[in-house]
Amino acid sequence: MLAIFLSTSLASAAIDPACQSVADQGVPDDYSEQGQQDWLLNYFSMVGAFSPLHSAIPHKPGTGAIGVELAVIPPVSCEHRLVLAYTKTEDTNKLPVLPRPRMSFALPASNIGSQVIVPYGGLGYVPPLPLPDSASLDGGNMQNTIVSIEAGFGGGNADFTGLQYGARFHATVMKTVAEIATPFDSSATVSYKDLYLGSTFGIDAMVGWGMENINPYLALGFLDVSTFFYIDDDAVITNNETPYAGLTAATGLAWSPKPWLEVAAEVYAVPGYVYTGKTRLSYIFK
């Protein structure tokens, strides 16, 4: 996925005209080359994190859902795109939306007094299809793979109305093999295949409110990010010295206009990094 968004280099390069006015203001006093690099590595793992896009009880026990998620990829500002002491901009804003097929299943409920507990699981998968690589110097392709899982439980009234509550665990692993870093030699004509690996795992506490066909929800959680970046043309491994480990939040609404159809919309935030919107359209089956 990073190859779609991120093109980074230690060679001299032009500044994007859209960022020239920011560069002309000079390098900020708190500027850090390592900090710029770490921010970008963290960011593109975070946008792939497997946020809920469902309430504390995702759907009724004994049913499954299959559909697709669309996540907005907010453009990176010039302040984060400018690197090498504000002498170069990274070409990060190439894809506005990340599509991810996903499915989930809710197991039969367990009764505890007047309450029910519904365990569930989910999977998201972006296959490693070869895609044209705009950064490739010799017309090569890139491959991106994203695998996500979730497991959790939701509780509430036996009629699934009113207050719902629960918790979930989620994890994502992503891999990109592509021309990610531009060549150090500006006259190069051959592409090198770099390797980017990113992973996230997290836990969320969730609450929701069940109604006839509408279910608003709120999730507060913790997210941990790890990254690995190998630049092939000079065999350099780029270290992320400040991987993110901190809070996340999501709030949204799931709507079922038909018993077999569900639409969800969500606002997802990782404070200081990502503030974005997501939507999901799913077919519900037994």
Protein backbone atom coordinates (compact mmCIF):
# COMPACT_ATOMS: atom_id res chain seq x y z
CA MET A 1 0.00 0.00 0.00
CA LEU A 2 2.80 2.43 0.79
CA ALA A 3 4.00 2.37 -2.80
CA ILE A 4 0.67 3.88 -3.83
CA PHE A 5 1.14 6.80 -1.47
CA LEU A 6 4.82 7.23 -0.65
CA SER A 7 7.81 8.01 -2.87
CA THR A 8 10.84 8.93 -0.79
CA SER A 9 14.46 9.71 -1.66
CA LEU A 10 17.73 11.03 -0.35
CA ALA A 11 18.69 12.37 -3.76
CA SER A 12 18.12 15.97 -4.74
CA ALA A 13 14.72 16.66 -6.27
CA ALA A 14 12.32 19.46 -7.04
CA ILE A 15 9.86 20.93 -4.60
CA ASP A 16 6.20 20.56 -5.49
CA PRO A 17 4.98 24.05 -6.53
CA ALA A 18 2.06 23.61 -4.13
CA CYS A 19 4.58 23.45 -1.28
CA GLN A 20 7.01 26.12 -2.46
CA SER A 21 5.52 28.87 -0.29
CA VAL A 22 5.85 26.65 2.79
CA ALA A 23 9.46 25.79 1.92
CA ASP A 24 10.27 29.48 1.43
CA GLN A 25 9.36 30.10 5.07
CA GLY A 26 12.44 28.14 6.08
CA VAL A 27 13.07 25.03 8.14
CA PRO A 28 11.16 25.08 11.47
CA ASP A 29 13.23 25.11 14.66
CA ASP A 30 11.81 21.74 15.72
CA TYR A 31 12.44 20.07 12.35
CA SER A 32 13.81 16.52 12.47
CA GLU A 33 14.72 14.44 9.42
CA GLN A 34 14.18 11.27 11.40
CA GLY A 35 10.91 12.65 12.70
CA GLN A 36 9.62 13.34 9.16
CA GLN A 37 10.52 9.82 8.10
CA ASP A 38 8.95 8.20 11.16
CA TRP A 39 5.75 10.20 10.75
CA LEU A 40 5.27 9.00 7.17
CA LEU A 41 6.05 5.37 8.03
CA ASN A 42 3.55 5.46 10.90
CA TYR A 43 0.90 7.28 8.90
CA PHE A 44 0.56 4.77 6.08
CA SER A 45 0.25 1.87 8.49
CA MET A 46 -2.42 3.75 10.44
CA VAL A 47 -4.62 4.41 7.40
CA GLY A 48 -4.74 0.65 6.87
CA ALA A 49 -5.73 -0.17 10.46
CA PHE A 50 -8.88 -2.32 10.79
CA SER A 51 -11.30 0.03 12.54
CA PRO A 52 -14.75 -1.34 13.55
CA LEU A 53 -17.23 -0.02 10.96
CA HIS A 54 -19.90 -1.76 13.05
CA SER A 55 -21.49 -1.48 16.48
CA ALA A 56 -20.72 -3.48 19.61
CA ILE A 57 -22.90 -6.28 18.16
CA PRO A 58 -22.02 -6.23 14.44
CA HIS A 59 -25.17 -8.05 13.30
CA LYS A 60 -27.63 -10.61 14.63
CA PRO A 61 -26.32 -13.96 15.94
CA GLY A 62 -26.00 -16.68 13.33
CA THR A 63 -25.58 -14.27 10.43
CA GLY A 64 -22.62 -13.13 8.36
CA ALA A 65 -21.77 -10.09 6.28
CA ILE A 66 -19.69 -9.71 3.14
CA GLY A 67 -18.96 -6.40 1.47
CA VAL A 68 -16.42 -3.72 0.80
CA GLU A 69 -14.94 -0.88 2.86
CA LEU A 70 -13.91 2.44 1.36
CA ALA A 71 -11.56 4.52 3.52
CA VAL A 72 -10.66 8.10 2.64
CA ILE A 73 -6.88 8.67 2.58
CA PRO A 74 -6.43 12.29 3.71
CA PRO A 75 -3.72 14.10 1.71
CA VAL A 76 -0.48 14.69 3.59
CA SER A 77 0.27 18.35 4.23
CA CYS A 78 3.34 20.14 2.88
CA GLU A 79 4.74 20.37 6.41
CA HIS A 80 5.02 16.56 6.45
CA ARG A 81 5.87 16.08 2.77
CA LEU A 82 8.92 18.38 2.87
CA VAL A 83 12.13 16.49 3.70
CA LEU A 84 15.90 16.94 3.47
CA ALA A 85 15.73 20.24 5.33
CA TYR A 86 12.84 21.48 3.17
CA THR A 87 14.70 20.96 -0.12
CA LYS A 88 12.46 18.17 -1.46
CA THR A 89 8.83 17.06 -1.29
CA GLU A 90 7.63 13.47 -1.09
CA ASP A 91 5.01 12.42 -3.65
CA THR A 92 2.50 11.04 -1.15
CA ASN A 93 -0.97 12.09 -2.31
CA LYS A 94 -1.67 9.61 -5.08
CA LEU A 95 -4.68 7.61 -3.89
CA PRO A 96 -7.70 9.31 -2.29
CA VAL A 97 -9.50 6.11 -1.23
CA LEU A 98 -8.40 2.67 0.01
CA PRO A 99 -10.84 -0.13 -0.98
CA ARG A 100 -10.81 -3.29 1.16
CA PRO A 101 -13.11 -6.31 0.82
CA ARG A 102 -14.18 -7.51 4.25
CA MET A 103 -16.45 -10.10 5.84
CA SER A 104 -17.63 -10.93 9.34
CA PHE A 105 -19.67 -13.53 11.18
CA ALA A 106 -21.62 -13.48 14.45
CA LEU A 107 -21.81 -16.73 16.43
CA PRO A 108 -24.94 -17.88 18.29
CA ALA A 109 -25.70 -15.81 21.39
CA SER A 110 -25.24 -16.95 24.98
CA ASN A 111 -27.92 -15.88 27.46
CA ILE A 112 -26.86 -14.42 30.80
CA GLY A 113 -30.02 -13.44 32.62
CA SER A 114 -31.79 -10.78 30.59
CA GLN A 115 -28.61 -10.12 28.59
CA VAL A 116 -27.09 -11.85 25.57
CA ILE A 117 -23.41 -12.13 24.64
CA VAL A 118 -22.56 -12.45 20.93
CA PRO A 119 -18.99 -13.43 19.94
CA TYR A 120 -17.89 -12.49 16.42
CA GLY A 121 -14.95 -12.42 14.05
CA GLY A 122 -13.99 -10.65 10.85
CA LEU A 123 -11.50 -10.62 7.99
CA GLY A 124 -10.32 -8.01 5.50
CA TYR A 125 -8.11 -8.81 2.52
CA VAL A 126 -6.53 -6.85 -0.32
CA PRO A 127 -4.93 -9.40 -2.70
CA PRO A 128 -1.41 -8.97 -4.19
CA LEU A 129 -2.57 -8.02 -7.66
CA PRO A 130 0.12 -6.51 -9.92
CA LEU A 131 -0.61 -2.83 -10.45
CA PRO A 132 1.09 -0.29 -12.73
CA ASP A 133 3.82 1.51 -10.78
CA SER A 134 3.95 5.19 -11.72
CA ALA A 135 7.28 5.55 -9.90
CA SER A 136 8.92 2.74 -11.87
CA LEU A 137 11.57 3.91 -14.31
CA ASP A 138 11.29 0.84 -16.55
CA GLY A 139 7.55 0.21 -16.55
CA GLY A 140 7.51 -2.31 -13.73
CA ASN A 141 4.57 -3.21 -11.52
CA MET A 142 4.04 -3.14 -7.78
CA GLN A 143 2.29 -5.58 -5.50
CA ASN A 144 0.41 -4.65 -2.34
CA THR A 145 -1.06 -7.10 0.15
CA ILE A 146 -3.16 -6.23 3.20
CA VAL A 147 -4.55 -8.84 5.60
CA SER A 148 -6.73 -7.80 8.56
CA ILE A 149 -8.53 -9.73 11.27
CA GLU A 150 -10.79 -8.92 14.20
CA ALA A 151 -12.32 -10.88 17.06
CA GLY A 152 -14.62 -9.63 19.77
CA PHE A 153 -17.88 -9.86 21.64
CA GLY A 154 -20.92 -7.69 22.11
CA GLY A 155 -23.55 -7.73 24.81
CA GLY A 156 -26.97 -6.22 25.30
CA ASN A 157 -30.67 -6.86 25.74
CA ALA A 158 -32.11 -10.05 24.34
CA ASP A 159 -34.16 -8.08 21.78
CA PHE A 160 -31.00 -6.23 20.63
CA THR A 161 -32.48 -2.82 21.42
CA GLY A 162 -31.10 -0.20 23.76
CA LEU A 163 -27.59 -0.13 25.16
CA GLN A 164 -24.99 -2.45 23.64
CA TYR A 165 -21.42 -2.89 24.87
CA GLY A 166 -18.38 -4.97 24.01
CA ALA A 167 -14.69 -5.18 23.13
CA ARG A 168 -12.68 -6.23 20.10
CA PHE A 169 -9.12 -7.09 19.10
CA HIS A 170 -7.86 -6.28 15.61
CA ALA A 171 -4.62 -6.69 13.66
CA THR A 172 -3.39 -5.81 10.18
CA VAL A 173 -0.29 -6.81 8.22
CA MET A 174 0.60 -5.08 4.97
CA LYS A 175 3.37 -5.63 2.43
CA THR A 176 4.48 -3.64 -0.59
CA VAL A 177 7.09 -4.73 -3.14
CA ALA A 178 7.72 -1.86 -5.54
CA GLU A 179 9.84 1.13 -6.50
CA ILE A 180 9.07 2.99 -3.27
CA ALA A 181 12.19 5.09 -2.82
CA THR A 182 13.32 7.01 -5.88
CA PRO A 183 16.90 6.21 -7.01
CA PHE A 184 19.85 7.95 -5.45
CA ASP A 185 21.26 8.40 -8.95
CA SER A 186 18.98 10.92 -10.69
CA SER A 187 20.11 9.59 -14.10
CA ALA A 188 19.12 5.98 -13.29
CA THR A 189 16.96 4.17 -15.84
CA VAL A 190 16.40 0.89 -13.97
CA SER A 191 13.98 0.41 -11.10
CA TYR A 192 14.79 -1.39 -7.87
CA LYS A 193 12.15 -3.27 -5.91
CA ASP A 194 11.98 -1.95 -2.36
CA LEU A 195 10.15 -3.67 0.48
CA TYR A 196 7.80 -2.01 2.96
CA LEU A 197 6.20 -3.96 5.80
CA GLY A 198 3.72 -2.42 8.21
CA SER A 199 1.69 -3.96 10.99
CA THR A 200 -0.83 -2.73 13.52
CA PHE A 201 -2.67 -4.35 16.37
CA GLY A 202 -5.15 -2.81 18.75
CA ILE A 203 -7.98 -3.23 21.20
CA ASP A 204 -11.23 -1.27 21.37
CA ALA A 205 -13.90 -0.80 24.03
CA MET A 206 -17.24 -0.24 22.34
CA VAL A 207 -20.74 0.99 23.12
CA GLY A 208 -23.75 1.28 20.84
CA TRP A 209 -27.47 1.86 20.89
CA GLY A 210 -29.68 -0.62 19.10
CA MET A 211 -32.86 0.52 17.35
CA GLU A 212 -35.12 -1.05 14.76
CA ASN A 213 -32.72 -0.65 11.84
CA ILE A 214 -30.22 2.00 12.99
CA ASN A 215 -27.32 1.46 15.37
CA PRO A 216 -24.99 4.33 16.34
CA TYR A 217 -21.75 3.41 18.12
CA LEU A 218 -18.55 4.69 19.72
CA ALA A 219 -15.18 2.91 20.04
CA LEU A 220 -12.17 4.01 22.09
CA GLY A 221 -8.98 2.01 21.80
CA PHE A 222 -5.23 1.55 21.77
CA LEU A 223 -3.16 1.01 18.60
CA ASP A 224 0.42 -0.22 18.19
CA VAL A 225 2.34 0.31 14.92
CA SER A 226 5.47 -1.43 13.60
CA THR A 227 7.20 -0.81 10.26
CA PHE A 228 10.14 -2.10 8.20
CA PHE A 229 11.49 -0.43 5.06
CA TYR A 230 14.27 -1.87 2.86
CA ILE A 231 15.64 0.30 0.03
CA ASP A 232 17.05 -2.05 -2.61
CA ASP A 233 19.24 0.23 -4.72
CA ASP A 234 21.68 0.79 -1.82
CA ALA A 235 20.67 -2.03 0.56
CA VAL A 236 19.62 0.37 3.35
CA ILE A 237 17.11 -0.54 6.06
CA THR A 238 15.26 2.55 7.26
CA ASN A 239 14.51 2.40 10.97
CA ASN A 240 11.36 3.82 12.53
CA GLU A 241 12.69 5.23 15.80
CA THR A 242 9.29 6.40 17.10
CA PRO A 243 6.66 3.80 16.17
CA TYR A 244 3.23 4.90 17.29
CA ALA A 245 1.63 3.36 20.37
CA GLY A 246 -1.35 5.29 21.61
CA LEU A 247 -5.05 6.09 21.51
CA THR A 248 -7.61 5.80 18.73
CA ALA A 249 -11.28 6.71 18.46
CA ALA A 250 -14.10 5.86 16.08
CA THR A 251 -17.75 6.84 15.96
CA GLY A 252 -20.28 5.85 13.38
CA LEU A 253 -23.70 4.63 12.37
CA ALA A 254 -24.84 1.31 10.92
CA TRP A 255 -28.11 1.31 8.98
CA SER A 256 -30.07 -1.70 7.67
CA PRO A 257 -32.68 -0.50 5.15
CA LYS A 258 -33.36 -4.16 4.30
CA PRO A 259 -32.79 -7.33 6.37
CA TRP A 260 -30.11 -8.41 3.86
CA LEU A 261 -28.39 -5.03 3.43
CA GLU A 262 -26.29 -2.91 5.77
CA VAL A 263 -24.60 0.44 5.20
CA ALA A 264 -22.14 1.87 7.71
CA ALA A 265 -20.36 5.22 7.94
CA GLU A 266 -17.62 6.08 10.41
CA VAL A 267 -15.24 8.83 11.48
CA TYR A 268 -11.88 7.38 12.57
CA ALA A 269 -9.09 9.22 14.37
CA VAL A 270 -5.54 8.59 15.53
CA PRO A 271 -4.73 11.84 17.39
CA GLY A 272 -1.90 13.77 15.77
CA TYR A 273 -1.92 11.61 12.62
CA VAL A 274 -5.13 10.43 10.99
CA TYR A 275 -8.60 11.97 10.89
CA THR A 276 -10.65 10.29 8.20
CA GLY A 277 -13.98 8.91 7.10
CA LYS A 278 -14.90 5.36 6.12
CA THR A 279 -17.95 3.63 4.71
CA ARG A 280 -18.98 0.01 4.24
CA LEU A 281 -21.65 -1.67 2.14
CA SER A 282 -22.43 -5.28 3.08
CA TYR A 283 -24.75 -8.13 2.18
CA ILE A 284 -26.14 -9.91 5.27
CA PHE A 285 -26.67 -13.67 5.01
CA LYS A 286 -27.55 -16.62 7.26
